[in-house]
Structures are given as C-alpha cells and as structure tokens.
C-alpha cells in the first residue's frame, strides 16, 4: 500500500484496487501499534475526511491532513485510475 505522507507517528496511505472496486474514495491513517501489537488505523472518506472506521485522530494531525487533502485525493486517483467513484 503506497504511503502518501507521514506526520509524526501518523502515516497516510491509499490502497490500489485489487479485485473488487472500492465503494468510495478513502485513505487509511496508521497511528502506530496498540499495546497488543496490532496496527491502529483510521479510515477517512475523501475529500470530506469524514471518519468511517477506527479511532479519532488528534486535531493537529487532522489539520495537517486537511492541508494536504488534494495530495491524498490525487494519489487515490492515480492508484485507482480505472474506477468510476463519486466523491464523498
């Protein structure tokens, strides 16, 4: 999964389509690992950044993501060029 950018311990990724088409444009924000060693991840719709899964993201990190939402959307479109999804 291609990383779009990182901000501190947070890293934003987009998945290319594999098999079934995505239901909507979205990104994954990884926040490190939990005490049990599991990856902590939040899913945000694009370009609205509405959280649809996972824990809340710190306000300063969300501000940074908002400033770079066009970069995330461009990456999503680049990796999913054949999909015909509506914007969230």
N, C-alpha and C. Protein backbone atom coordinates (compact mmCIF):
# COMPACT_ATOMS: atom_id res chain seq x y z
N UNK A 1 0.84 -1.16 0.00
CA UNK A 1 0.00 0.00 0.00
C UNK A 1 0.90 1.23 0.00
N UNK A 2 0.71 2.12 -0.97
CA UNK A 2 1.57 3.30 -1.07
C UNK A 2 1.30 4.32 0.03
N UNK A 3 2.38 4.77 0.66
CA UNK A 3 2.28 5.83 1.65
C UNK A 3 2.26 7.16 0.93
N UNK A 4 1.30 8.02 1.26
CA UNK A 4 1.22 9.35 0.66
C UNK A 4 2.16 10.29 1.40
N UNK A 5 2.07 10.30 2.73
CA UNK A 5 3.00 11.09 3.55
C UNK A 5 2.89 10.67 5.00
N UNK A 6 3.82 11.14 5.79
CA UNK A 6 3.80 10.90 7.22
C UNK A 6 3.81 12.21 7.97
N UNK A 7 3.30 12.18 9.20
CA UNK A 7 3.29 13.35 10.07
C UNK A 7 3.47 12.81 11.49
N UNK A 8 4.67 12.94 12.02
CA UNK A 8 4.95 12.35 13.33
C UNK A 8 4.78 10.84 13.26
N UNK A 9 4.00 10.29 14.18
CA UNK A 9 3.79 8.84 14.20
C UNK A 9 2.63 8.41 13.31
N UNK A 10 1.99 9.37 12.63
CA UNK A 10 0.86 9.09 11.74
C UNK A 10 1.35 8.98 10.30
N UNK A 11 0.77 8.04 9.56
CA UNK A 11 1.14 7.84 8.15
C UNK A 11 -0.13 7.62 7.34
N UNK A 12 -0.25 8.35 6.23
CA UNK A 12 -1.44 8.28 5.38
C UNK A 12 -1.14 7.40 4.17
N UNK A 13 -2.03 6.45 3.92
CA UNK A 13 -1.88 5.50 2.83
C UNK A 13 -3.15 5.46 1.99
N UNK A 14 -3.00 5.05 0.72
CA UNK A 14 -4.14 4.71 -0.13
C UNK A 14 -3.87 3.33 -0.71
N UNK A 15 -4.93 2.55 -0.84
CA UNK A 15 -4.82 1.22 -1.42
C UNK A 15 -5.20 1.27 -2.88
N UNK A 16 -4.44 0.64 -3.77
CA UNK A 16 -4.92 0.47 -5.13
C UNK A 16 -6.00 -0.61 -5.16
N UNK A 17 -6.89 -0.51 -6.11
CA UNK A 17 -7.95 -1.51 -6.25
C UNK A 17 -7.31 -2.87 -6.51
N UNK A 18 -7.81 -3.87 -5.82
CA UNK A 18 -7.36 -5.26 -6.01
C UNK A 18 -8.59 -6.14 -6.04
N UNK A 19 -9.03 -6.55 -7.22
CA UNK A 19 -10.20 -7.41 -7.31
C UNK A 19 -11.48 -6.61 -7.42
N UNK A 20 -12.13 -6.37 -6.31
CA UNK A 20 -13.40 -5.63 -6.30
C UNK A 20 -13.12 -4.12 -6.23
N UNK A 21 -13.95 -3.32 -6.92
CA UNK A 21 -13.75 -1.87 -6.88
C UNK A 21 -14.05 -1.32 -5.48
N UNK A 22 -13.39 -0.22 -5.15
CA UNK A 22 -13.67 0.46 -3.89
C UNK A 22 -15.08 1.02 -3.92
N UNK A 23 -15.70 1.15 -2.75
CA UNK A 23 -17.04 1.72 -2.67
C UNK A 23 -17.00 3.24 -2.70
N UNK A 24 -15.93 3.83 -2.22
CA UNK A 24 -15.78 5.29 -2.22
C UNK A 24 -14.31 5.65 -2.06
N UNK A 25 -13.98 6.88 -2.41
CA UNK A 25 -12.61 7.36 -2.23
C UNK A 25 -12.34 7.45 -0.74
N UNK A 26 -11.20 6.95 -0.32
CA UNK A 26 -10.86 6.99 1.09
C UNK A 26 -9.36 6.80 1.27
N UNK A 27 -8.89 7.11 2.47
CA UNK A 27 -7.49 6.87 2.82
C UNK A 27 -7.46 6.18 4.18
N UNK A 28 -6.31 5.61 4.47
CA UNK A 28 -6.06 4.94 5.74
C UNK A 28 -4.98 5.73 6.47
N UNK A 29 -5.24 6.03 7.73
CA UNK A 29 -4.28 6.75 8.55
C UNK A 29 -3.81 5.81 9.63
N UNK A 30 -2.57 5.38 9.53
CA UNK A 30 -2.00 4.49 10.54
C UNK A 30 -1.38 5.31 11.65
N UNK A 31 -1.68 4.89 12.89
CA UNK A 31 -1.26 5.65 14.06
C UNK A 31 -0.27 4.90 14.93
N UNK A 32 0.37 3.88 14.40
CA UNK A 32 1.28 3.08 15.20
C UNK A 32 0.62 1.79 15.62
N UNK A 33 1.12 1.20 16.68
CA UNK A 33 0.59 -0.08 17.14
C UNK A 33 0.00 0.05 18.54
N UNK A 34 -0.98 -0.80 18.81
CA UNK A 34 -1.62 -0.82 20.13
C UNK A 34 -0.73 -1.56 21.12
N UNK A 35 -1.14 -1.56 22.37
CA UNK A 35 -0.41 -2.29 23.41
C UNK A 35 -0.35 -3.78 23.11
N UNK A 36 -1.32 -4.28 22.34
CA UNK A 36 -1.36 -5.69 21.97
C UNK A 36 -0.58 -5.97 20.68
N UNK A 37 0.06 -4.93 20.12
CA UNK A 37 0.87 -5.11 18.93
C UNK A 37 0.10 -5.05 17.62
N UNK A 38 -1.17 -4.67 17.67
CA UNK A 38 -1.97 -4.55 16.46
C UNK A 38 -1.85 -3.15 15.88
N UNK A 39 -1.87 -3.05 14.54
CA UNK A 39 -1.81 -1.76 13.85
C UNK A 39 -3.09 -0.97 14.14
N UNK A 40 -2.95 0.30 14.56
CA UNK A 40 -4.09 1.17 14.80
C UNK A 40 -4.29 1.99 13.53
N UNK A 41 -5.50 1.90 12.97
CA UNK A 41 -5.76 2.53 11.68
C UNK A 41 -7.15 3.17 11.67
N UNK A 42 -7.23 4.35 11.06
CA UNK A 42 -8.48 5.07 10.88
C UNK A 42 -8.72 5.22 9.39
N UNK A 43 -9.98 5.10 8.96
CA UNK A 43 -10.33 5.27 7.55
C UNK A 43 -11.12 6.57 7.42
N UNK A 44 -10.68 7.43 6.48
CA UNK A 44 -11.33 8.71 6.22
C UNK A 44 -11.81 8.75 4.77
N UNK A 45 -13.05 9.23 4.56
CA UNK A 45 -13.54 9.43 3.20
C UNK A 45 -12.86 10.65 2.59
N UNK A 46 -12.72 10.62 1.28
CA UNK A 46 -12.11 11.74 0.55
C UNK A 46 -13.12 12.38 -0.38
N UNK A 47 -13.14 13.67 -0.48
CA UNK A 47 -12.27 14.65 0.16
C UNK A 47 -12.81 15.19 1.49
N UNK A 48 -13.96 14.68 1.95
CA UNK A 48 -14.60 15.24 3.15
C UNK A 48 -13.83 14.99 4.44
N UNK A 49 -13.04 13.92 4.47
CA UNK A 49 -12.29 13.49 5.65
C UNK A 49 -13.19 13.03 6.79
N UNK A 50 -14.40 12.61 6.43
CA UNK A 50 -15.31 12.02 7.40
C UNK A 50 -14.74 10.69 7.87
N UNK A 51 -14.67 10.50 9.19
CA UNK A 51 -14.14 9.25 9.75
C UNK A 51 -15.22 8.18 9.67
N UNK A 52 -14.90 7.06 9.01
CA UNK A 52 -15.86 5.97 8.87
C UNK A 52 -15.45 4.71 9.62
N UNK A 53 -14.21 4.65 10.09
CA UNK A 53 -13.75 3.50 10.87
C UNK A 53 -12.52 3.90 11.66
N UNK A 54 -12.36 3.27 12.79
CA UNK A 54 -11.16 3.48 13.60
C UNK A 54 -11.29 4.62 14.59
N UNK A 55 -10.25 4.79 15.39
CA UNK A 55 -10.28 5.81 16.44
C UNK A 55 -10.11 7.23 15.89
N UNK A 56 -10.50 8.20 16.71
CA UNK A 56 -10.33 9.61 16.35
C UNK A 56 -8.84 9.92 16.18
N UNK A 57 -8.58 10.92 15.37
CA UNK A 57 -7.21 11.36 15.09
C UNK A 57 -7.01 12.71 15.77
N UNK A 58 -5.83 12.93 16.34
CA UNK A 58 -5.52 14.18 17.03
C UNK A 58 -5.80 15.38 16.13
N UNK A 59 -6.30 16.48 16.74
CA UNK A 59 -6.70 17.67 16.00
C UNK A 59 -5.58 18.24 15.14
N UNK A 60 -4.37 18.30 15.66
CA UNK A 60 -3.27 18.86 14.88
C UNK A 60 -2.95 17.99 13.67
N UNK A 61 -3.12 16.70 13.80
CA UNK A 61 -2.89 15.78 12.68
C UNK A 61 -3.99 15.97 11.64
N UNK A 62 -5.24 16.09 12.10
CA UNK A 62 -6.34 16.33 11.16
C UNK A 62 -6.15 17.65 10.42
N UNK A 63 -5.66 18.67 11.10
CA UNK A 63 -5.37 19.95 10.43
C UNK A 63 -4.34 19.74 9.32
N UNK A 64 -3.30 18.97 9.61
CA UNK A 64 -2.26 18.70 8.61
C UNK A 64 -2.84 17.92 7.43
N UNK A 65 -3.67 16.93 7.72
CA UNK A 65 -4.29 16.13 6.67
C UNK A 65 -5.19 17.03 5.81
N UNK A 66 -5.97 17.92 6.43
CA UNK A 66 -6.83 18.85 5.67
C UNK A 66 -6.00 19.71 4.72
N UNK A 67 -4.85 20.17 5.20
CA UNK A 67 -3.97 20.99 4.36
C UNK A 67 -3.45 20.22 3.15
N UNK A 68 -3.41 18.89 3.24
CA UNK A 68 -2.85 18.06 2.18
C UNK A 68 -3.87 17.14 1.53
N UNK A 69 -5.16 17.44 1.70
CA UNK A 69 -6.19 16.55 1.17
C UNK A 69 -6.11 16.42 -0.35
N UNK A 70 -5.74 17.49 -1.07
CA UNK A 70 -5.62 17.38 -2.54
C UNK A 70 -4.55 16.38 -2.93
N UNK A 71 -3.46 16.35 -2.19
CA UNK A 71 -2.38 15.39 -2.44
C UNK A 71 -2.87 13.96 -2.23
N UNK A 72 -3.69 13.75 -1.20
CA UNK A 72 -4.22 12.41 -0.93
C UNK A 72 -5.20 12.00 -2.03
N UNK A 73 -6.10 12.92 -2.42
CA UNK A 73 -7.06 12.62 -3.48
C UNK A 73 -6.32 12.31 -4.78
N UNK A 74 -5.30 13.08 -5.11
CA UNK A 74 -4.52 12.82 -6.33
C UNK A 74 -3.87 11.45 -6.29
N UNK A 75 -3.34 11.07 -5.15
CA UNK A 75 -2.73 9.74 -5.02
C UNK A 75 -3.79 8.66 -5.19
N UNK A 76 -4.95 8.85 -4.57
CA UNK A 76 -6.03 7.86 -4.70
C UNK A 76 -6.42 7.70 -6.16
N UNK A 77 -6.58 8.82 -6.86
CA UNK A 77 -6.96 8.76 -8.28
C UNK A 77 -5.87 8.11 -9.12
N UNK A 78 -4.63 8.37 -8.80
CA UNK A 78 -3.50 7.79 -9.54
C UNK A 78 -3.49 6.26 -9.38
N UNK A 79 -3.73 5.78 -8.16
CA UNK A 79 -3.68 4.33 -7.91
C UNK A 79 -4.97 3.62 -8.25
N UNK A 80 -6.03 4.36 -8.51
CA UNK A 80 -7.33 3.78 -8.81
C UNK A 80 -7.92 4.42 -10.06
N UNK A 81 -7.10 4.63 -11.06
CA UNK A 81 -7.47 5.37 -12.27
C UNK A 81 -8.65 4.77 -13.02
N UNK A 82 -8.85 3.49 -12.92
CA UNK A 82 -9.92 2.84 -13.69
C UNK A 82 -11.26 2.85 -12.99
N UNK A 83 -11.32 3.33 -11.75
CA UNK A 83 -12.58 3.32 -11.00
C UNK A 83 -13.40 4.56 -11.32
N UNK A 84 -14.70 4.40 -11.30
CA UNK A 84 -15.65 5.49 -11.57
C UNK A 84 -16.46 5.78 -10.31
N UNK A 85 -15.78 6.25 -9.27
CA UNK A 85 -16.46 6.50 -7.99
C UNK A 85 -16.87 7.97 -7.89
N UNK A 86 -17.96 8.20 -7.18
CA UNK A 86 -18.39 9.56 -6.89
C UNK A 86 -17.61 10.08 -5.69
N UNK A 87 -17.41 11.39 -5.64
CA UNK A 87 -16.73 11.98 -4.48
C UNK A 87 -17.59 11.87 -3.26
N UNK A 88 -16.94 11.68 -2.12
CA UNK A 88 -17.66 11.55 -0.83
C UNK A 88 -18.14 12.92 -0.39
